[in-house]
C-alpha atoms as a PDB file:
ATOM      1  CA  MET A   1     -14.676 -41.458 -43.571  1.00  0.00           C
ATOM      2  CA  LEU A   2     -13.982 -44.330 -41.169  1.00  0.00           C
ATOM      3  CA  LYS A   3     -17.576 -45.539 -41.545  1.00  0.00           C
ATOM      4  CA  PHE A   4     -17.103 -45.539 -45.331  1.00  0.00           C
ATOM      5  CA  PHE A   5     -13.940 -47.675 -45.065  1.00  0.00           C
ATOM      6  CA  ARG A   6     -15.663 -50.030 -42.658  1.00  0.00           C
ATOM      7  CA  LYS A   7     -18.548 -50.683 -45.052  1.00  0.00           C
ATOM      8  CA  ILE A   8     -16.144 -51.387 -47.929  1.00  0.00           C
ATOM      9  CA  ARG A   9     -14.144 -53.798 -45.750  1.00  0.00           C
ATOM     10  CA  GLN A  10     -17.280 -55.689 -44.838  1.00  0.00           C
ATOM     11  CA  LYS A  11     -18.300 -55.865 -48.517  1.00  0.00           C
ATOM     12  CA  PHE A  12     -14.886 -57.252 -49.542  1.00  0.00           C
ATOM     13  CA  LEU A  13     -14.950 -59.742 -46.679  1.00  0.00           C
ATOM     14  CA  LEU A  14     -18.339 -61.031 -47.792  1.00  0.00           C
ATOM     15  CA  GLN A  15     -16.989 -61.297 -51.346  1.00  0.00           C
ATOM     16  CA  ASP A  16     -13.937 -63.203 -50.073  1.00  0.00           C
ATOM     17  CA  ARG A  17     -11.586 -60.550 -51.416  1.00  0.00           C
ATOM     18  CA  VAL A  18      -9.087 -60.661 -48.524  1.00  0.00           C
ATOM     19  CA  THR A  19      -6.290 -58.618 -50.159  1.00  0.00           C
ATOM     20  CA  ARG A  20      -8.488 -55.598 -50.765  1.00  0.00           C
ATOM     21  CA  TYR A  21      -9.988 -56.047 -47.325  1.00  0.00           C
ATOM     22  CA  LEU A  22      -6.503 -55.767 -45.786  1.00  0.00           C
ATOM     23  CA  VAL A  23      -5.680 -52.708 -47.874  1.00  0.00           C
ATOM     24  CA  TYR A  24      -8.756 -50.876 -46.681  1.00  0.00           C
ATOM     25  CA  ALA A  25      -8.170 -52.078 -43.112  1.00  0.00           C
ATOM     26  CA  ILE A  26      -4.657 -50.645 -43.226  1.00  0.00           C
ATOM     27  CA  GLY A  27      -6.072 -47.427 -44.701  1.00  0.00           C
ATOM     28  CA  GLU A  28      -8.514 -47.186 -41.849  1.00  0.00           C
ATOM     29  CA  ILE A  29      -5.723 -47.687 -39.295  1.00  0.00           C
ATOM     30  CA  PHE A  30      -3.607 -45.091 -41.110  1.00  0.00           C
ATOM     31  CA  LEU A  31      -6.421 -42.540 -40.908  1.00  0.00           C
ATOM     32  CA  VAL A  32      -6.871 -43.231 -37.201  1.00  0.00           C
ATOM     33  CA  VAL A  33      -3.123 -42.744 -36.592  1.00  0.00           C
ATOM     34  CA  ILE A  34      -3.080 -39.537 -38.647  1.00  0.00           C
ATOM     35  CA  GLY A  35      -6.078 -38.253 -36.684  1.00  0.00           C
ATOM     36  CA  ILE A  36      -4.345 -38.983 -33.386  1.00  0.00           C
ATOM     37  CA  LEU A  37      -1.119 -37.279 -34.534  1.00  0.00           C
ATOM     38  CA  ILE A  38      -3.024 -34.209 -35.690  1.00  0.00           C
ATOM     39  CA  ALA A  39      -4.869 -34.046 -32.383  1.00  0.00           C
ATOM     40  CA  LEU A  40      -1.601 -34.340 -30.472  1.00  0.00           C
ATOM     41  CA  GLN A  41      -0.013 -31.616 -32.608  1.00  0.00           C
ATOM     42  CA  VAL A  42      -2.943 -29.293 -32.066  1.00  0.00           C
ATOM     43  CA  ASN A  43      -2.745 -29.994 -28.337  1.00  0.00           C
ATOM     44  CA  ASN A  44       1.002 -29.289 -28.374  1.00  0.00           C
ATOM     45  CA  TRP A  45       0.392 -26.022 -30.211  1.00  0.00           C
ATOM     46  CA  ASN A  46      -2.177 -24.996 -27.615  1.00  0.00           C
ATOM     47  CA  GLU A  47       0.115 -25.924 -24.721  1.00  0.00           C
ATOM     48  CA  ASP A  48       3.011 -24.082 -26.331  1.00  0.00           C
ATOM     49  CA  ARG A  49       0.844 -21.013 -26.786  1.00  0.00           C
ATOM     50  CA  LYS A  50      -0.264 -21.156 -23.137  1.00  0.00           C
ATOM     51  CA  THR A  51       3.337 -21.605 -21.969  1.00  0.00           C
ATOM     52  CA  LYS A  52       4.539 -18.627 -24.018  1.00  0.00           C
ATOM     53  CA  ALA A  53       1.688 -16.493 -22.675  1.00  0.00           C
ATOM     54  CA  ALA A  54       2.582 -17.523 -19.108  1.00  0.00           C
ATOM     55  CA  GLU A  55       6.237 -16.734 -19.771  1.00  0.00           C
ATOM     56  CA  GLN A  56       5.415 -13.261 -21.083  1.00  0.00           C
ATOM     57  CA  LYS A  57       3.245 -12.564 -18.038  1.00  0.00           C
ATOM     58  CA  LEU A  58       6.018 -13.736 -15.701  1.00  0.00           C
ATOM     59  CA  LEU A  59       8.644 -11.713 -17.573  1.00  0.00           C
ATOM     60  CA  ALA A  60       6.540  -8.565 -17.199  1.00  0.00           C
ATOM     61  CA  SER A  61       6.234  -9.069 -13.436  1.00  0.00           C
ATOM     62  CA  LEU A  62       9.944  -9.865 -13.054  1.00  0.00           C
ATOM     63  CA  LEU A  63      10.947  -6.817 -15.089  1.00  0.00           C
ATOM     64  CA  GLU A  64       8.823  -4.545 -12.923  1.00  0.00           C
ATOM     65  CA  GLU A  65      10.336  -6.020  -9.763  1.00  0.00           C
ATOM     66  CA  PHE A  66      13.968  -5.917 -10.885  1.00  0.00           C
ATOM     67  CA  ASP A  67      13.571  -2.375 -12.267  1.00  0.00           C
ATOM     68  CA  SER A  68      12.283  -1.331  -8.857  1.00  0.00           C
ATOM     69  CA  ASN A  69      15.102  -3.154  -7.083  1.00  0.00           C
ATOM     70  CA  ALA A  70      17.718  -1.438  -9.264  1.00  0.00           C
ATOM     71  CA  VAL A  71      16.407   1.931  -8.057  1.00  0.00           C
ATOM     72  CA  ILE A  72      16.300   0.782  -4.417  1.00  0.00           C
ATOM     73  CA  LEU A  73      19.883  -0.510  -4.640  1.00  0.00           C
ATOM     74  CA  ASP A  74      21.128   2.807  -6.060  1.00  0.00           C
ATOM     75  CA  GLN A  75      19.387   4.666  -3.229  1.00  0.00           C
ATOM     76  CA  THR A  76      20.894   2.291  -0.660  1.00  0.00           C
ATOM     77  CA  MET A  77      24.393   2.841  -2.038  1.00  0.00           C
ATOM     78  CA  GLU A  78      23.883   6.620  -1.976  1.00  0.00           C
ATOM     79  CA  LEU A  79      22.701   6.492   1.648  1.00  0.00           C
ATOM     80  CA  ASN A  80      25.648   4.323   2.628  1.00  0.00           C
ATOM     81  CA  GLU A  81      28.052   6.733   0.915  1.00  0.00           C
ATOM     82  CA  GLN A  82      26.570   9.618   2.890  1.00  0.00           C
ATOM     83  CA  ILE A  83      26.940   7.639   6.122  1.00  0.00           C
ATOM     84  CA  ILE A  84      30.596   7.016   5.271  1.00  0.00           C
ATOM     85  CA  THR A  85      31.131  10.743   4.656  1.00  0.00           C
ATOM     86  CA  ASN A  86      29.460  11.756   7.939  1.00  0.00           C
ATOM     87  CA  SER A  87      31.259   9.153  10.048  1.00  0.00           C
ATOM     88  CA  THR A  88      34.624  10.089   8.515  1.00  0.00           C
ATOM     89  CA  GLN A  89      33.977  13.712   9.500  1.00  0.00           C
ATOM     90  CA  ILE A  90      33.257  12.572  13.072  1.00  0.00           C
ATOM     91  CA  GLY A  91      36.770  11.124  12.990  1.00  0.00           C
ATOM     92  CA  ASP A  92      38.076  14.672  12.528  1.00  0.00           C
ATOM     93  CA  PHE A  93      36.910  15.424  16.085  1.00  0.00           C
ATOM     94  CA  THR A  94      38.624  12.477  17.815  1.00  0.00           C
ATOM     95  CA  GLY A  95      41.961  12.737  19.578  1.00  0.00           C
ATOM     96  CA  PRO A  96      43.673  13.077  22.969  1.00  0.00           C
ATOM     97  CA  SER A  97      42.369  16.629  23.359  1.00  0.00           C
ATOM     98  CA  ILE A  98      39.036  17.930  22.119  1.00  0.00           C
ATOM     99  CA  GLY A  99      39.382  21.710  22.216  1.00  0.00           C
ATOM    100  CA  ASP A 100      36.622  24.009  21.037  1.00  0.00           C
ATOM    101  CA  PHE A 101      34.245  22.737  18.361  1.00  0.00           C
ATOM    102  CA  ASP A 102      30.738  23.282  17.005  1.00  0.00           C
ATOM    103  CA  GLU A 103      28.433  21.101  19.111  1.00  0.00           C
ATOM    104  CA  LEU A 104      25.569  21.457  16.609  1.00  0.00           C
ATOM    105  CA  ALA A 105      27.793  20.375  13.718  1.00  0.00           C
ATOM    106  CA  LEU A 106      28.967  17.297  15.603  1.00  0.00           C
ATOM    107  CA  SER A 107      25.439  16.402  16.718  1.00  0.00           C
ATOM    108  CA  ASN A 108      24.184  16.619  13.140  1.00  0.00           C
ATOM    109  CA  LEU A 109      27.043  14.384  12.010  1.00  0.00           C
ATOM    110  CA  MET A 110      26.015  11.886  14.674  1.00  0.00           C
ATOM    111  CA  VAL A 111      22.462  11.945  13.289  1.00  0.00           C
ATOM    112  CA  GLY A 112      23.725  11.471   9.751  1.00  0.00           C
ATOM    113  CA  THR A 113      25.853   8.531  10.833  1.00  0.00           C
ATOM    114  CA  PHE A 114      23.664   6.629  13.270  1.00  0.00           C
ATOM    115  CA  LYS A 115      20.065   7.521  12.428  1.00  0.00           C
ATOM    116  CA  PHE A 116      19.729   5.044   9.556  1.00  0.00           C
ATOM    117  CA  GLU A 117      20.879   1.524   8.852  1.00  0.00           C
ATOM    118  CA  SER A 118      22.196   1.013   5.350  1.00  0.00           C
ATOM    119  CA  ARG A 119      20.311  -2.075   4.204  1.00  0.00           C
ATOM    120  CA  PHE A 120      19.156  -3.120   0.766  1.00  0.00           C
ATOM    121  CA  VAL A 121      15.531  -4.200   1.153  1.00  0.00           C
ATOM    122  CA  PRO A 122      14.377  -5.361  -2.313  1.00  0.00           C
ATOM    123  CA  ASN A 123      10.918  -6.316  -3.518  1.00  0.00           C
ATOM    124  CA  GLN A 124      10.941 -10.107  -3.845  1.00  0.00           C
ATOM    125  CA  GLY A 125       7.319 -11.222  -4.161  1.00  0.00           C
ATOM    126  CA  THR A 126       7.551 -12.362  -7.781  1.00  0.00           C
ATOM    127  CA  ILE A 127      11.134 -13.605  -7.399  1.00  0.00           C
ATOM    128  CA  GLU A 128      10.276 -15.773  -4.387  1.00  0.00           C
ATOM    129  CA  GLU A 129       7.139 -17.160  -6.034  1.00  0.00           C
ATOM    130  CA  THR A 130       9.043 -17.935  -9.246  1.00  0.00           C
ATOM    131  CA  ILE A 131      11.735 -19.893  -7.428  1.00  0.00           C
ATOM    132  CA  ASN A 132       9.628 -21.569  -4.731  1.00  0.00           C
ATOM    133  CA  THR A 133       6.761 -22.732  -6.971  1.00  0.00           C
ATOM    134  CA  GLY A 134       8.889 -24.023  -9.838  1.00  0.00           C
ATOM    135  CA  LYS A 135       7.822 -21.271 -12.224  1.00  0.00           C
ATOM    136  CA  LEU A 136      11.480 -20.743 -13.064  1.00  0.00           C
ATOM    137  CA  SER A 137      11.098 -23.583 -15.576  1.00  0.00           C
ATOM    138  CA  ILE A 138       8.634 -21.447 -17.566  1.00  0.00           C
ATOM    139  CA  LEU A 139      11.501 -19.158 -18.554  1.00  0.00           C
ATOM    140  CA  SER A 140      12.903 -20.438 -21.831  1.00  0.00           C
ATOM    141  CA  ASN A 141      16.282 -18.709 -21.484  1.00  0.00           C
ATOM    142  CA  PRO A 142      18.613 -20.860 -19.323  1.00  0.00           C
ATOM    143  CA  GLU A 143      20.944 -17.893 -18.820  1.00  0.00           C
ATOM    144  CA  LEU A 144      18.094 -15.905 -17.296  1.00  0.00           C
ATOM    145  CA  ARG A 145      17.102 -18.792 -15.015  1.00  0.00           C
ATOM    146  CA  LYS A 146      20.683 -19.082 -13.776  1.00  0.00           C
ATOM    147  CA  ALA A 147      21.041 -15.316 -13.305  1.00  0.00           C
ATOM    148  CA  ILE A 148      17.921 -15.130 -11.116  1.00  0.00           C
ATOM    149  CA  THR A 149      19.129 -18.035  -8.971  1.00  0.00           C
ATOM    150  CA  ASN A 150      22.560 -16.434  -8.611  1.00  0.00           C
ATOM    151  CA  TRP A 151      20.940 -13.098  -7.740  1.00  0.00           C
ATOM    152  CA  LYS A 152      19.421 -14.714  -4.669  1.00  0.00           C
ATOM    153  CA  SER A 153      22.856 -16.035  -3.668  1.00  0.00           C
ATOM    154  CA  ASP A 154      24.385 -12.585  -4.165  1.00  0.00           C
ATOM    155  CA  LEU A 155      21.645 -11.074  -2.007  1.00  0.00           C
ATOM    156  CA  GLU A 156      22.356 -13.484   0.868  1.00  0.00           C
ATOM    157  CA  ARG A 157      26.052 -12.592   0.651  1.00  0.00           C
ATOM    158  CA  VAL A 158      25.202  -8.878   0.803  1.00  0.00           C
ATOM    159  CA  LYS A 159      22.901  -9.374   3.783  1.00  0.00           C
ATOM    160  CA  ARG A 160      25.651 -11.087   5.785  1.00  0.00           C
ATOM    161  CA  GLN A 161      27.937  -8.107   5.198  1.00  0.00           C
ATOM    162  CA  GLU A 162      25.130  -5.681   6.080  1.00  0.00           C
ATOM    163  CA  ASP A 163      24.631  -7.511   9.388  1.00  0.00           C
ATOM    164  CA  TYR A 164      28.359  -7.132  10.067  1.00  0.00           C
ATOM    165  CA  VAL A 165      28.243  -3.405   9.228  1.00  0.00           C
ATOM    166  CA  VAL A 166      25.230  -2.786  11.498  1.00  0.00           C
ATOM    167  CA  ALA A 167      26.947  -4.640  14.354  1.00  0.00           C
ATOM    168  CA  ARG A 168      30.030  -2.387  13.954  1.00  0.00           C
ATOM    169  CA  ARG A 169      27.750   0.659  13.781  1.00  0.00           C
ATOM    170  CA  ASP A 170      26.012  -0.293  17.020  1.00  0.00           C
ATOM    171  CA  LEU A 171      29.322  -0.667  18.874  1.00  0.00           C
ATOM    172  CA  ALA A 172      30.386   2.866  17.914  1.00  0.00           C
ATOM    173  CA  HIS A 173      26.910   4.235  18.604  1.00  0.00           C
ATOM    174  CA  ASP A 174      26.884   2.724  22.086  1.00  0.00           C
ATOM    175  CA  TYR A 175      29.926   4.831  23.010  1.00  0.00           C
ATOM    176  CA  PHE A 176      27.961   7.973  22.237  1.00  0.00           C
ATOM    177  CA  ILE A 177      24.789   6.814  24.035  1.00  0.00           C
ATOM    178  CA  ASN A 178      26.640   5.629  27.152  1.00  0.00           C
ATOM    179  CA  SER A 179      29.093   8.532  27.419  1.00  0.00           C
ATOM    180  CA  GLY A 180      27.200  11.499  25.973  1.00  0.00           C
ATOM    181  CA  ASN A 181      24.006  13.306  26.908  1.00  0.00           C
ATOM    182  CA  PHE A 182      21.339  12.260  24.449  1.00  0.00           C
ATOM    183  CA  ARG A 183      18.830  14.800  25.770  1.00  0.00           C
ATOM    184  CA  ARG A 184      21.308  17.578  25.144  1.00  0.00           C
ATOM    185  CA  HIS A 185      21.817  16.149  21.683  1.00  0.00           C
ATOM    186  CA  LEU A 186      18.060  16.426  20.999  1.00  0.00           C
ATOM    187  CA  GLU A 187      18.157  20.081  22.041  1.00  0.00           C
ATOM    188  CA  VAL A 188      20.676  21.176  19.472  1.00  0.00           C
ATOM    189  CA  ILE A 189      19.605  19.289  16.354  1.00  0.00           C
ATOM    190  CA  ASP A 190      16.781  20.424  14.096  1.00  0.00           C
ATOM    191  CA  GLU A 191      15.408  16.945  13.322  1.00  0.00           C
ATOM    192  CA  SER A 192      14.318  15.913  16.816  1.00  0.00           C
ATOM    193  CA  LEU A 193      11.043  13.948  16.793  1.00  0.00           C
ATOM    194  CA  ILE A 194      10.043  15.229  20.255  1.00  0.00           C
ATOM    195  CA  GLU A 195      10.337  18.399  22.307  1.00  0.00           C
ATOM    196  CA  ALA A 196      12.919  17.280  24.859  1.00  0.00           C
ATOM    197  CA  GLY A 197      13.046  20.512  26.823  1.00  0.00           C
ATOM    198  CA  THR A 198      16.232  22.057  28.220  1.00  0.00           C
ATOM    199  CA  SER A 199      18.745  19.865  29.987  1.00  0.00           C
ATOM    200  CA  ARG A 200      20.121  21.186  33.261  1.00  0.00           C
ATOM    201  CA  PHE A 201      23.540  19.918  32.211  1.00  0.00           C
ATOM    202  CA  PRO A 202      25.376  22.885  30.659  1.00  0.00           C
ATOM    203  CA  SER A 203      26.822  20.940  27.740  1.00  0.00           C
ATOM    204  CA  ASN A 204      27.062  17.503  26.208  1.00  0.00           C
ATOM    205  CA  ASN A 205      29.750  15.110  27.318  1.00  0.00           C
ATOM    206  CA  PHE A 206      31.993  14.344  24.374  1.00  0.00           C
ATOM    207  CA  LYS A 207      34.771  12.620  26.278  1.00  0.00           C
ATOM    208  CA  PHE A 208      34.182   9.519  24.179  1.00  0.00           C
ATOM    209  CA  LEU A 209      35.904  11.468  21.390  1.00  0.00           C
ATOM    210  CA  GLN A 210      39.122  11.124  23.411  1.00  0.00           C
ATOM    211  CA  ASP A 211      38.688   7.369  23.751  1.00  0.00           C
ATOM    212  CA  GLN A 212      40.856   5.292  21.393  1.00  0.00           C
ATOM    213  CA  GLY A 213      38.292   2.515  21.664  1.00  0.00           C
ATOM    214  CA  PHE A 214      35.629   4.766  20.139  1.00  0.00           C
ATOM    215  CA  GLU A 215      37.941   5.889  17.356  1.00  0.00           C
ATOM    216  CA  SER A 216      38.897   2.295  16.590  1.00  0.00           C
ATOM    217  CA  LYS A 217      35.273   1.102  16.463  1.00  0.00           C
ATOM    218  CA  LEU A 218      34.241   4.149  14.420  1.00  0.00           C
ATOM    219  CA  TYR A 219      36.830   3.439  11.749  1.00  0.00           C
ATOM    220  CA  LEU A 220      36.067  -0.273  11.730  1.00  0.00           C
ATOM    221  CA  PHE A 221      32.477   0.748  10.962  1.00  0.00           C
ATOM    222  CA  ILE A 222      33.694   3.127   8.238  1.00  0.00           C
ATOM    223  CA  VAL A 223      35.858   0.468   6.588  1.00  0.00           C
ATOM    224  CA  ALA A 224      33.086  -2.144   6.740  1.00  0.00           C
ATOM    225  CA  SER A 225      30.638   0.344   5.188  1.00  0.00           C
ATOM    226  CA  ALA A 226      33.085   1.231   2.415  1.00  0.00           C
ATOM    227  CA  ASN A 227      33.629  -2.469   1.778  1.00  0.00           C
ATOM    228  CA  LEU A 228      29.877  -2.870   1.396  1.00  0.00           C
ATOM    229  CA  ASN A 229      29.722  -0.152  -1.264  1.00  0.00           C
ATOM    230  CA  GLN A 230      32.890  -1.136  -3.119  1.00  0.00           C
ATOM    231  CA  VAL A 231      32.923  -4.949  -2.919  1.00  0.00           C
ATOM    232  CA  PHE A 232      29.454  -6.289  -2.099  1.00  0.00           C
ATOM    233  CA  TYR A 233      26.880  -4.006  -3.724  1.00  0.00           C
ATOM    234  CA  PRO A 234      28.504  -3.679  -7.196  1.00  0.00           C
ATOM    235  CA  PRO A 235      28.221  -7.411  -8.139  1.00  0.00           C
ATOM    236  CA  LEU A 236      24.569  -7.400  -7.065  1.00  0.00           C
ATOM    237  CA  LYS A 237      23.983  -4.242  -9.091  1.00  0.00           C
ATOM    238  CA  ALA A 238      25.679  -5.806 -12.143  1.00  0.00           C
ATOM    239  CA  ARG A 239      23.618  -8.999 -11.780  1.00  0.00           C
ATOM    240  CA  THR A 240      20.420  -6.959 -11.516  1.00  0.00           C
ATOM    241  CA  GLU A 241      21.265  -5.044 -14.690  1.00  0.00           C
ATOM    242  CA  THR A 242      22.074  -8.311 -16.508  1.00  0.00           C
ATOM    243  CA  ILE A 243      18.715  -9.791 -15.519  1.00  0.00           C
ATOM    244  CA  ILE A 244      16.865  -6.692 -16.694  1.00  0.00           C
ATOM    245  CA  SER A 245      18.684  -6.872 -20.039  1.00  0.00           C
ATOM    246  CA  LEU A 246      17.915 -10.607 -20.468  1.00  0.00           C
ATOM    247  CA  ILE A 247      14.248 -10.075 -19.624  1.00  0.00           C
ATOM    248  CA  LYS A 248      13.919  -7.273 -22.166  1.00  0.00           C
ATOM    249  CA  GLU A 249      15.433  -9.527 -24.851  1.00  0.00           C
ATOM    250  CA  LYS A 250      12.667 -12.101 -24.287  1.00  0.00           C
ATOM    251  CA  ARG A 251       9.771  -9.633 -24.119  1.00  0.00           C
ATOM    252  CA  ASN A 252       7.500  -9.445 -27.181  1.00  0.00           C
END
């Protein structure tokens, strides 16, 4: 088409018909511009299609990760609640006089309280990559982008409280380790990882139960753990559920 216009222009120029020459020259320019615009539009369509495909792929990975993290968070909260229950029952044994009690029951409560640390350890591979490599911009929903960023902030806040809880836990646990007989403790529980044999001490030393310092540290640990479940985990859980909902809205 452009070659056709060019030949006509040359013919008019040779015939000294300038006006028609200009008309065809403008027509040729117009066709060139239209061709460029069409090419740009096609390119934009292709880029838009690639971006949407990349977004859908990212959304699928994020949904899988946040679904998994929602389950992990629920399990963490359940474990922490059980720790709170066990440690509160240990408090039933503390006081100025111990008296007779079930050594096995107390030892099992100690296991239930101090064997595990209550920490939320989420899967973050896709989340970290999305934030650190700038892939967050692929997500077309600004509310979702903001929610994911805020989720990371919530997680850091939770981790600081978890560190505080574990520190309080260790202080109470140290009373038991330093004052009691851990070998005797291994004898009476059913979940011992090793065969400790029989201690020549006739019984465990539970004098730490009569120590106000132990009781104070135990209940500081209990309160900090309850605070974790009631104040810190719920906002993170709500944010996780919001993100899952927003992702599902954008999925094809």
